[in-house]
Amino acid sequence: MKKFTSLMVVGIVSLLFSGCGGGKFIRPVSTSSPNEKLIWSTHEKGRPIWMIKEKGFPFFVGQSEKFATEKGARDDALRHALKKAAVYI
């Protein structure tokens, strides 16, 4: 009886852990249409010309995901930049 009970406990615990472990996978970045492309930077040489270059002051650029509105994308980019600044500090 003790062997059966311990076998049942091990079986239930293994089912619980196996049920919580799956479903997370990394998708490759792909474009959905031929006219769509990813833009990693708006300027090829790093910073834009209009950006003030001050020594000792780091700058953080946020990148947003796809959003239906410009405001949503802007808010997400700001959130991403603030997160990068917090990690830096």
PDB file of N, CA and C in Angstrom:
ATOM      1  N   MET A   1       0.823  -1.200   0.000  1.00  0.00           N
ATOM      2  CA  MET A   1       0.000   0.000   0.000  1.00  0.00           C
ATOM      3  C   MET A   1       0.866   1.263   0.000  1.00  0.00           C
ATOM      4  N   LYS A   2       1.974   1.217   0.763  1.00  0.00           N
ATOM      5  CA  LYS A   2       2.856   2.375   0.841  1.00  0.00           C
ATOM      6  C   LYS A   2       3.523   2.631  -0.516  1.00  0.00           C
ATOM      7  N   LYS A   3       3.894   1.559  -1.217  1.00  0.00           N
ATOM      8  CA  LYS A   3       4.522   1.700  -2.521  1.00  0.00           C
ATOM      9  C   LYS A   3       3.540   2.301  -3.530  1.00  0.00           C
ATOM     10  N   PHE A   4       2.298   1.876  -3.492  1.00  0.00           N
ATOM     11  CA  PHE A   4       1.267   2.404  -4.386  1.00  0.00           C
ATOM     12  C   PHE A   4       1.025   3.889  -4.126  1.00  0.00           C
ATOM     13  N   THR A   5       0.965   4.284  -2.849  1.00  0.00           N
ATOM     14  CA  THR A   5       0.737   5.686  -2.492  1.00  0.00           C
ATOM     15  C   THR A   5       1.901   6.562  -2.950  1.00  0.00           C
ATOM     16  N   SER A   6       3.124   6.105  -2.724  1.00  0.00           N
ATOM     17  CA  SER A   6       4.282   6.903  -3.144  1.00  0.00           C
ATOM     18  C   SER A   6       4.353   6.991  -4.669  1.00  0.00           C
ATOM     19  N   LEU A   7       3.978   5.921  -5.359  1.00  0.00           N
ATOM     20  CA  LEU A   7       3.950   5.947  -6.816  1.00  0.00           C
ATOM     21  C   LEU A   7       2.900   6.934  -7.330  1.00  0.00           C
ATOM     22  N   MET A   8       1.760   6.985  -6.688  1.00  0.00           N
ATOM     23  CA  MET A   8       0.708   7.939  -7.071  1.00  0.00           C
ATOM     24  C   MET A   8       1.151   9.379  -6.828  1.00  0.00           C
ATOM     25  N   VAL A   9       1.821   9.633  -5.711  1.00  0.00           N
ATOM     26  CA  VAL A   9       2.296  10.991  -5.402  1.00  0.00           C
ATOM     27  C   VAL A   9       3.324  11.427  -6.439  1.00  0.00           C
ATOM     28  N   VAL A  10       4.265  10.554  -6.761  1.00  0.00           N
ATOM     29  CA  VAL A  10       5.277  10.879  -7.769  1.00  0.00           C
ATOM     30  C   VAL A  10       4.615  11.115  -9.127  1.00  0.00           C
ATOM     31  N   GLY A  11       3.629  10.315  -9.480  1.00  0.00           N
ATOM     32  CA  GLY A  11       2.924  10.491 -10.747  1.00  0.00           C
ATOM     33  C   GLY A  11       2.177  11.807 -10.822  1.00  0.00           C
ATOM     34  N   ILE A  12       1.497  12.176  -9.751  1.00  0.00           N
ATOM     35  CA  ILE A  12       0.744  13.437  -9.733  1.00  0.00           C
ATOM     36  C   ILE A  12       1.686  14.629  -9.795  1.00  0.00           C
ATOM     37  N   VAL A  13       2.785  14.574  -9.031  1.00  0.00           N
ATOM     38  CA  VAL A  13       3.753  15.675  -9.048  1.00  0.00           C
ATOM     39  C   VAL A  13       4.377  15.811 -10.436  1.00  0.00           C
ATOM     40  N   SER A  14       4.715  14.708 -11.073  1.00  0.00           N
ATOM     41  CA  SER A  14       5.307  14.795 -12.412  1.00  0.00           C
ATOM     42  C   SER A  14       4.302  15.333 -13.430  1.00  0.00           C
ATOM     43  N   LEU A  15       3.035  14.995 -13.292  1.00  0.00           N
ATOM     44  CA  LEU A  15       2.011  15.555 -14.182  1.00  0.00           C
ATOM     45  C   LEU A  15       1.855  17.056 -13.978  1.00  0.00           C
ATOM     46  N   LEU A  16       1.916  17.503 -12.736  1.00  0.00           N
ATOM     47  CA  LEU A  16       1.800  18.937 -12.463  1.00  0.00           C
ATOM     48  C   LEU A  16       2.963  19.708 -13.074  1.00  0.00           C
ATOM     49  N   PHE A  17       4.180  19.195 -12.908  1.00  0.00           N
ATOM     50  CA  PHE A  17       5.337  19.895 -13.457  1.00  0.00           C
ATOM     51  C   PHE A  17       5.381  19.839 -14.981  1.00  0.00           C
ATOM     52  N   SER A  18       4.977  18.744 -15.566  1.00  0.00           N
ATOM     53  CA  SER A  18       5.002  18.658 -17.025  1.00  0.00           C
ATOM     54  C   SER A  18       3.903  19.516 -17.650  1.00  0.00           C
ATOM     55  N   GLY A  19       2.817  19.739 -16.955  1.00  0.00           N
ATOM     56  CA  GLY A  19       1.743  20.580 -17.475  1.00  0.00           C
ATOM     57  C   GLY A  19       2.098  22.050 -17.482  1.00  0.00           C
ATOM     58  N   CYS A  20       2.993  22.473 -16.608  1.00  0.00           N
ATOM     59  CA  CYS A  20       3.363  23.888 -16.513  1.00  0.00           C
ATOM     60  C   CYS A  20       4.592  24.231 -17.342  1.00  0.00           C
ATOM     61  N   GLY A  21       5.290  23.258 -17.856  1.00  0.00           N
ATOM     62  CA  GLY A  21       6.578  23.527 -18.479  1.00  0.00           C
ATOM     63  C   GLY A  21       6.552  23.827 -19.959  1.00  0.00           C
ATOM     64  N   GLY A  22       5.527  23.508 -20.679  1.00  0.00           N
ATOM     65  CA  GLY A  22       5.567  23.644 -22.135  1.00  0.00           C
ATOM     66  C   GLY A  22       4.928  24.909 -22.651  1.00  0.00           C
ATOM     67  N   GLY A  23       4.993  25.072 -23.946  1.00  0.00           N
ATOM     68  CA  GLY A  23       4.284  26.163 -24.599  1.00  0.00           C
ATOM     69  C   GLY A  23       5.105  27.401 -24.863  1.00  0.00           C
ATOM     70  N   LYS A  24       6.348  27.470 -24.406  1.00  0.00           N
ATOM     71  CA  LYS A  24       7.143  28.671 -24.639  1.00  0.00           C
ATOM     72  C   LYS A  24       8.203  28.345 -25.679  1.00  0.00           C
ATOM     73  N   PHE A  25       8.160  29.052 -26.787  1.00  0.00           N
ATOM     74  CA  PHE A  25       9.139  28.842 -27.838  1.00  0.00           C
ATOM     75  C   PHE A  25       9.444  30.187 -28.470  1.00  0.00           C
ATOM     76  N   ILE A  26      10.585  30.286 -29.089  1.00  0.00           N
ATOM     77  CA  ILE A  26      11.026  31.528 -29.713  1.00  0.00           C
ATOM     78  C   ILE A  26      10.693  31.467 -31.197  1.00  0.00           C
ATOM     79  N   ARG A  27       9.942  32.474 -31.649  1.00  0.00           N
ATOM     80  CA  ARG A  27       9.607  32.562 -33.068  1.00  0.00           C
ATOM     81  C   ARG A  27      10.666  33.384 -33.780  1.00  0.00           C
ATOM     82  N   PRO A  28      11.041  33.010 -34.975  1.00  0.00           N
ATOM     83  CA  PRO A  28      11.936  33.867 -35.740  1.00  0.00           C
ATOM     84  C   PRO A  28      11.183  35.116 -36.213  1.00  0.00           C
ATOM     85  N   VAL A  29      11.914  36.211 -36.320  1.00  0.00           N
ATOM     86  CA  VAL A  29      11.315  37.454 -36.788  1.00  0.00           C
ATOM     87  C   VAL A  29      11.057  37.325 -38.281  1.00  0.00           C
ATOM     88  N   SER A  30       9.837  37.561 -38.688  1.00  0.00           N
ATOM     89  CA  SER A  30       9.505  37.464 -40.104  1.00  0.00           C
ATOM     90  C   SER A  30       8.557  38.597 -40.469  1.00  0.00           C
ATOM     91  N   THR A  31       8.632  39.004 -41.706  1.00  0.00           N
ATOM     92  CA  THR A  31       7.717  40.033 -42.186  1.00  0.00           C
ATOM     93  C   THR A  31       6.484  39.355 -42.752  1.00  0.00           C
ATOM     94  N   SER A  32       5.356  40.019 -42.608  1.00  0.00           N
ATOM     95  CA  SER A  32       4.109  39.393 -43.030  1.00  0.00           C
ATOM     96  C   SER A  32       3.741  39.687 -44.482  1.00  0.00           C
ATOM     97  N   SER A  33       4.294  40.728 -45.055  1.00  0.00           N
ATOM     98  CA  SER A  33       3.987  41.036 -46.450  1.00  0.00           C
ATOM     99  C   SER A  33       5.279  41.417 -47.173  1.00  0.00           C
ATOM    100  N   PRO A  34       5.307  41.317 -48.499  1.00  0.00           N
ATOM    101  CA  PRO A  34       6.541  41.630 -49.228  1.00  0.00           C
ATOM    102  C   PRO A  34       6.939  43.102 -49.134  1.00  0.00           C
ATOM    103  N   ASN A  35       5.986  43.996 -48.910  1.00  0.00           N
ATOM    104  CA  ASN A  35       6.307  45.420 -48.832  1.00  0.00           C
ATOM    105  C   ASN A  35       6.731  45.849 -47.438  1.00  0.00           C
ATOM    106  N   GLU A  36       6.627  44.964 -46.474  1.00  0.00           N
ATOM    107  CA  GLU A  36       6.948  45.311 -45.095  1.00  0.00           C
ATOM    108  C   GLU A  36       8.381  44.894 -44.790  1.00  0.00           C
ATOM    109  N   LYS A  37       9.129  45.759 -44.118  1.00  0.00           N
ATOM    110  CA  LYS A  37      10.488  45.413 -43.720  1.00  0.00           C
ATOM    111  C   LYS A  37      10.758  45.988 -42.338  1.00  0.00           C
ATOM    112  N   LEU A  38      11.713  45.381 -41.647  1.00  0.00           N
ATOM    113  CA  LEU A  38      12.078  45.847 -40.319  1.00  0.00           C
ATOM    114  C   LEU A  38      13.086  46.976 -40.448  1.00  0.00           C
ATOM    115  N   ILE A  39      12.877  48.027 -39.682  1.00  0.00           N
ATOM    116  CA  ILE A  39      13.808  49.146 -39.660  1.00  0.00           C
ATOM    117  C   ILE A  39      14.451  49.154 -38.281  1.00  0.00           C
ATOM    118  N   TRP A  40      15.728  48.834 -38.219  1.00  0.00           N
ATOM    119  CA  TRP A  40      16.407  48.785 -36.932  1.00  0.00           C
ATOM    120  C   TRP A  40      16.867  50.173 -36.507  1.00  0.00           C
ATOM    121  N   SER A  41      17.137  51.046 -37.432  1.00  0.00           N
ATOM    122  CA  SER A  41      17.565  52.396 -37.102  1.00  0.00           C
ATOM    123  C   SER A  41      17.138  53.310 -38.238  1.00  0.00           C
ATOM    124  N   THR A  42      16.710  54.502 -37.883  1.00  0.00           N
ATOM    125  CA  THR A  42      16.307  55.434 -38.926  1.00  0.00           C
ATOM    126  C   THR A  42      17.508  56.118 -39.559  1.00  0.00           C
ATOM    127  N   HIS A  43      18.652  56.059 -38.896  1.00  0.00           N
ATOM    128  CA  HIS A  43      19.864  56.684 -39.410  1.00  0.00           C
ATOM    129  C   HIS A  43      20.958  55.630 -39.482  1.00  0.00           C
ATOM    130  N   GLU A  44      21.642  55.581 -40.598  1.00  0.00           N
ATOM    131  CA  GLU A  44      22.623  54.522 -40.810  1.00  0.00           C
ATOM    132  C   GLU A  44      23.869  54.694 -39.956  1.00  0.00           C
ATOM    133  N   LYS A  45      24.221  55.908 -39.605  1.00  0.00           N
ATOM    134  CA  LYS A  45      25.467  56.134 -38.876  1.00  0.00           C
ATOM    135  C   LYS A  45      25.237  56.360 -37.387  1.00  0.00           C
ATOM    136  N   GLY A  46      24.243  55.734 -36.813  1.00  0.00           N
ATOM    137  CA  GLY A  46      24.038  55.867 -35.374  1.00  0.00           C
ATOM    138  C   GLY A  46      23.087  56.987 -35.032  1.00  0.00           C
ATOM    139  N   ARG A  47      23.591  57.985 -34.329  1.00  0.00           N
ATOM    140  CA  ARG A  47      22.742  59.082 -33.871  1.00  0.00           C
ATOM    141  C   ARG A  47      22.346  60.009 -35.017  1.00  0.00           C
ATOM    142  N   PRO A  48      21.179  60.599 -34.909  1.00  0.00           N
ATOM    143  CA  PRO A  48      20.794  61.611 -35.896  1.00  0.00           C
ATOM    144  C   PRO A  48      21.663  62.865 -35.763  1.00  0.00           C
ATOM    145  N   ILE A  49      21.710  63.655 -36.807  1.00  0.00           N
ATOM    146  CA  ILE A  49      22.536  64.866 -36.801  1.00  0.00           C
ATOM    147  C   ILE A  49      22.037  65.864 -35.759  1.00  0.00           C
ATOM    148  N   TRP A  50      20.722  65.937 -35.565  1.00  0.00           N
ATOM    149  CA  TRP A  50      20.147  66.923 -34.662  1.00  0.00           C
ATOM    150  C   TRP A  50      20.306  66.556 -33.195  1.00  0.00           C
ATOM    151  N   MET A  51      20.841  65.388 -32.886  1.00  0.00           N
ATOM    152  CA  MET A  51      20.961  64.968 -31.487  1.00  0.00           C
ATOM    153  C   MET A  51      22.154  65.655 -30.844  1.00  0.00           C
ATOM    154  N   ILE A  52      21.950  66.172 -29.656  1.00  0.00           N
ATOM    155  CA  ILE A  52      23.021  66.849 -28.931  1.00  0.00           C
ATOM    156  C   ILE A  52      23.967  65.793 -28.373  1.00  0.00           C
ATOM    157  N   LYS A  53      25.244  65.951 -28.652  1.00  0.00           N
ATOM    158  CA  LYS A  53      26.241  64.997 -28.173  1.00  0.00           C
ATOM    159  C   LYS A  53      26.943  65.597 -26.954  1.00  0.00           C
ATOM    160  N   GLU A  54      26.572  65.145 -25.796  1.00  0.00           N
ATOM    161  CA  GLU A  54      27.196  65.606 -24.567  1.00  0.00           C
ATOM    162  C   GLU A  54      27.937  64.450 -23.934  1.00  0.00           C
ATOM    163  N   LYS A  55      29.170  64.693 -23.534  1.00  0.00           N
ATOM    164  CA  LYS A  55      29.943  63.637 -22.902  1.00  0.00           C
ATOM    165  C   LYS A  55      29.461  63.446 -21.471  1.00  0.00           C
ATOM    166  N   GLY A  56      29.390  62.219 -21.052  1.00  0.00           N
ATOM    167  CA  GLY A  56      28.980  61.917 -19.689  1.00  0.00           C
ATOM    168  C   GLY A  56      27.489  61.725 -19.504  1.00  0.00           C
ATOM    169  N   PHE A  57      26.698  61.952 -20.550  1.00  0.00           N
ATOM    170  CA  PHE A  57      25.254  61.783 -20.464  1.00  0.00           C
ATOM    171  C   PHE A  57      24.819  60.685 -21.436  1.00  0.00           C
ATOM    172  N   PRO A  58      24.470  59.528 -20.914  1.00  0.00           N
ATOM    173  CA  PRO A  58      24.013  58.464 -21.822  1.00  0.00           C
ATOM    174  C   PRO A  58      22.605  58.749 -22.335  1.00  0.00           C
ATOM    175  N   PHE A  59      22.293  58.207 -23.475  1.00  0.00           N
ATOM    176  CA  PHE A  59      20.937  58.324 -24.016  1.00  0.00           C
ATOM    177  C   PHE A  59      20.402  56.918 -24.257  1.00  0.00           C
ATOM    178  N   PHE A  60      19.107  56.780 -24.164  1.00  0.00           N
ATOM    179  CA  PHE A  60      18.458  55.485 -24.307  1.00  0.00           C
ATOM    180  C   PHE A  60      17.368  55.592 -25.364  1.00  0.00           C
ATOM    181  N   VAL A  61      17.345  54.640 -26.255  1.00  0.00           N
ATOM    182  CA  VAL A  61      16.363  54.614 -27.333  1.00  0.00           C
ATOM    183  C   VAL A  61      15.473  53.400 -27.131  1.00  0.00           C
ATOM    184  N   GLY A  62      14.173  53.630 -27.126  1.00  0.00           N
ATOM    185  CA  GLY A  62      13.233  52.529 -26.972  1.00  0.00           C
ATOM    186  C   GLY A  62      12.696  52.082 -28.316  1.00  0.00           C
ATOM    187  N   GLN A  63      12.421  50.799 -28.416  1.00  0.00           N
ATOM    188  CA  GLN A  63      11.872  50.239 -29.647  1.00  0.00           C
ATOM    189  C   GLN A  63      10.519  49.626 -29.323  1.00  0.00           C
ATOM    190  N   SER A  64       9.523  49.967 -30.098  1.00  0.00           N
ATOM    191  CA  SER A  64       8.172  49.477 -29.812  1.00  0.00           C
ATOM    192  C   SER A  64       7.833  48.278 -30.680  1.00  0.00           C
ATOM    193  N   GLU A  65       6.847  47.553 -30.238  1.00  0.00           N
ATOM    194  CA  GLU A  65       6.285  46.459 -31.025  1.00  0.00           C
ATOM    195  C   GLU A  65       5.268  47.054 -32.005  1.00  0.00           C
ATOM    196  N   LYS A  66       4.554  46.213 -32.721  1.00  0.00           N
ATOM    197  CA  LYS A  66       3.539  46.708 -33.656  1.00  0.00           C
ATOM    198  C   LYS A  66       2.289  47.117 -32.888  1.00  0.00           C
ATOM    199  N   PHE A  67       1.806  48.313 -33.159  1.00  0.00           N
ATOM    200  CA  PHE A  67       0.591  48.824 -32.540  1.00  0.00           C
ATOM    201  C   PHE A  67      -0.303  49.413 -33.619  1.00  0.00           C
ATOM    202  N   ALA A  68      -1.587  49.454 -33.323  1.00  0.00           N
ATOM    203  CA  ALA A  68      -2.548  50.001 -34.278  1.00  0.00           C
ATOM    204  C   ALA A  68      -2.476  51.519 -34.328  1.00  0.00           C
ATOM    205  N   THR A  69      -2.094  52.147 -33.217  1.00  0.00           N
ATOM    206  CA  THR A  69      -2.037  53.607 -33.174  1.00  0.00           C
ATOM    207  C   THR A  69      -0.614  54.070 -32.908  1.00  0.00           C
ATOM    208  N   GLU A  70      -0.331  55.288 -33.334  1.00  0.00           N
ATOM    209  CA  GLU A  70       0.989  55.861 -33.100  1.00  0.00           C
ATOM    210  C   GLU A  70       1.215  56.110 -31.615  1.00  0.00           C
ATOM    211  N   LYS A  71       0.166  56.503 -30.903  1.00  0.00           N
ATOM    212  CA  LYS A  71       0.288  56.760 -29.471  1.00  0.00           C
ATOM    213  C   LYS A  71       0.668  55.490 -28.719  1.00  0.00           C
ATOM    214  N   GLY A  72       0.065  54.365 -29.080  1.00  0.00           N
ATOM    215  CA  GLY A  72       0.402  53.098 -28.435  1.00  0.00           C
ATOM    216  C   GLY A  72       1.854  52.709 -28.678  1.00  0.00           C
ATOM    217  N   ALA A  73       2.325  52.895 -29.912  1.00  0.00           N
ATOM    218  CA  ALA A  73       3.714  52.581 -30.240  1.00  0.00           C
ATOM    219  C   ALA A  73       4.667  53.522 -29.512  1.00  0.00           C
ATOM    220  N   ARG A  74       4.310  54.800 -29.438  1.00  0.00           N
ATOM    221  CA  ARG A  74       5.156  55.772 -28.745  1.00  0.00           C
ATOM    222  C   ARG A  74       5.246  55.464 -27.257  1.00  0.00           C
ATOM    223  N   ASP A  75       4.113  55.121 -26.647  1.00  0.00           N
ATOM    224  CA  ASP A  75       4.108  54.769 -25.225  1.00  0.00           C
ATOM    225  C   ASP A  75       4.938  53.519 -24.963  1.00  0.00           C
ATOM    226  N   ASP A  76       4.852  52.540 -25.860  1.00  0.00           N
ATOM    227  CA  ASP A  76       5.634  51.320 -25.687  1.00  0.00           C
ATOM    228  C   ASP A  76       7.125  51.595 -25.864  1.00  0.00           C
ATOM    229  N   ALA A  77       7.495  52.455 -26.806  1.00  0.00           N
ATOM    230  CA  ALA A  77       8.903  52.807 -26.995  1.00  0.00           C
ATOM    231  C   ALA A  77       9.437  53.555 -25.777  1.00  0.00           C
ATOM    232  N   LEU A  78       8.642  54.443 -25.206  1.00  0.00           N
ATOM    233  CA  LEU A  78       9.052  55.158 -24.000  1.00  0.00           C
ATOM    234  C   LEU A  78       9.225  54.188 -22.840  1.00  0.00           C
ATOM    235  N   ARG A  79       8.298  53.252 -22.695  1.00  0.00           N
ATOM    236  CA  ARG A  79       8.388  52.244 -21.639  1.00  0.00           C
ATOM    237  C   ARG A  79       9.656  51.404 -21.806  1.00  0.00           C
ATOM    238  N   HIS A  80       9.976  51.060 -23.051  1.00  0.00           N
ATOM    239  CA  HIS A  80      11.171  50.264 -23.326  1.00  0.00           C
ATOM    240  C   HIS A  80      12.436  51.060 -23.004  1.00  0.00           C
ATOM    241  N   ALA A  81      12.475  52.346 -23.352  1.00  0.00           N
ATOM    242  CA  ALA A  81      13.640  53.180 -23.060  1.00  0.00           C
ATOM    243  C   ALA A  81      13.814  53.365 -21.556  1.00  0.00           C
ATOM    244  N   LEU A  82      12.717  53.571 -20.833  1.00  0.00           N
ATOM    245  CA  LEU A  82      12.807  53.715 -19.379  1.00  0.00           C
ATOM    246  C   LEU A  82      13.283  52.424 -18.721  1.00  0.00           C
ATOM    247  N   LYS A  83      12.859  51.309 -19.261  1.00  0.00           N
ATOM    248  CA  LYS A  83      13.296  50.013 -18.725  1.00  0.00           C
ATOM    249  C   LYS A  83      14.800  49.834 -18.936  1.00  0.00           C
ATOM    250  N   LYS A  84      15.289  50.221 -20.116  1.00  0.00           N
ATOM    251  CA  LYS A  84      16.722  50.132 -20.388  1.00  0.00           C
ATOM    252  C   LYS A  84      17.512  51.071 -19.485  1.00  0.00           C
ATOM    253  N   ALA A  85      16.967  52.257 -19.200  1.00  0.00           N
ATOM    254  CA  ALA A  85      17.640  53.199 -18.306  1.00  0.00           C
ATOM    255  C   ALA A  85      17.687  52.655 -16.884  1.00  0.00           C
ATOM    256  N   ALA A  86      16.609  52.020 -16.442  1.00  0.00           N
ATOM    257  CA  ALA A  86      16.580  51.454 -15.093  1.00  0.00           C
ATOM    258  C   ALA A  86      17.574  50.306 -14.961  1.00  0.00           C
ATOM    259  N   VAL A  87      17.714  49.503 -15.995  1.00  0.00           N
ATOM    260  CA  VAL A  87      18.688  48.408 -15.958  1.00  0.00           C
ATOM    261  C   VAL A  87      20.108  48.975 -15.944  1.00  0.00           C
ATOM    262  N   TYR A  88      20.340  50.074 -16.664  1.00  0.00           N
ATOM    263  CA  TYR A  88      21.658  50.701 -16.715  1.00  0.00           C
ATOM    264  C   TYR A  88      22.062  51.250 -15.353  1.00  0.00           C
ATOM    265  N   ILE A  89      21.086  51.849 -14.661  1.00  0.00           N
ATOM    266  CA  ILE A  89      21.371  52.449 -13.349  1.00  0.00           C
ATOM    267  C   ILE A  89      21.543  51.346 -12.346  1.00  0.00           C
TER     268      ILE A  89
END
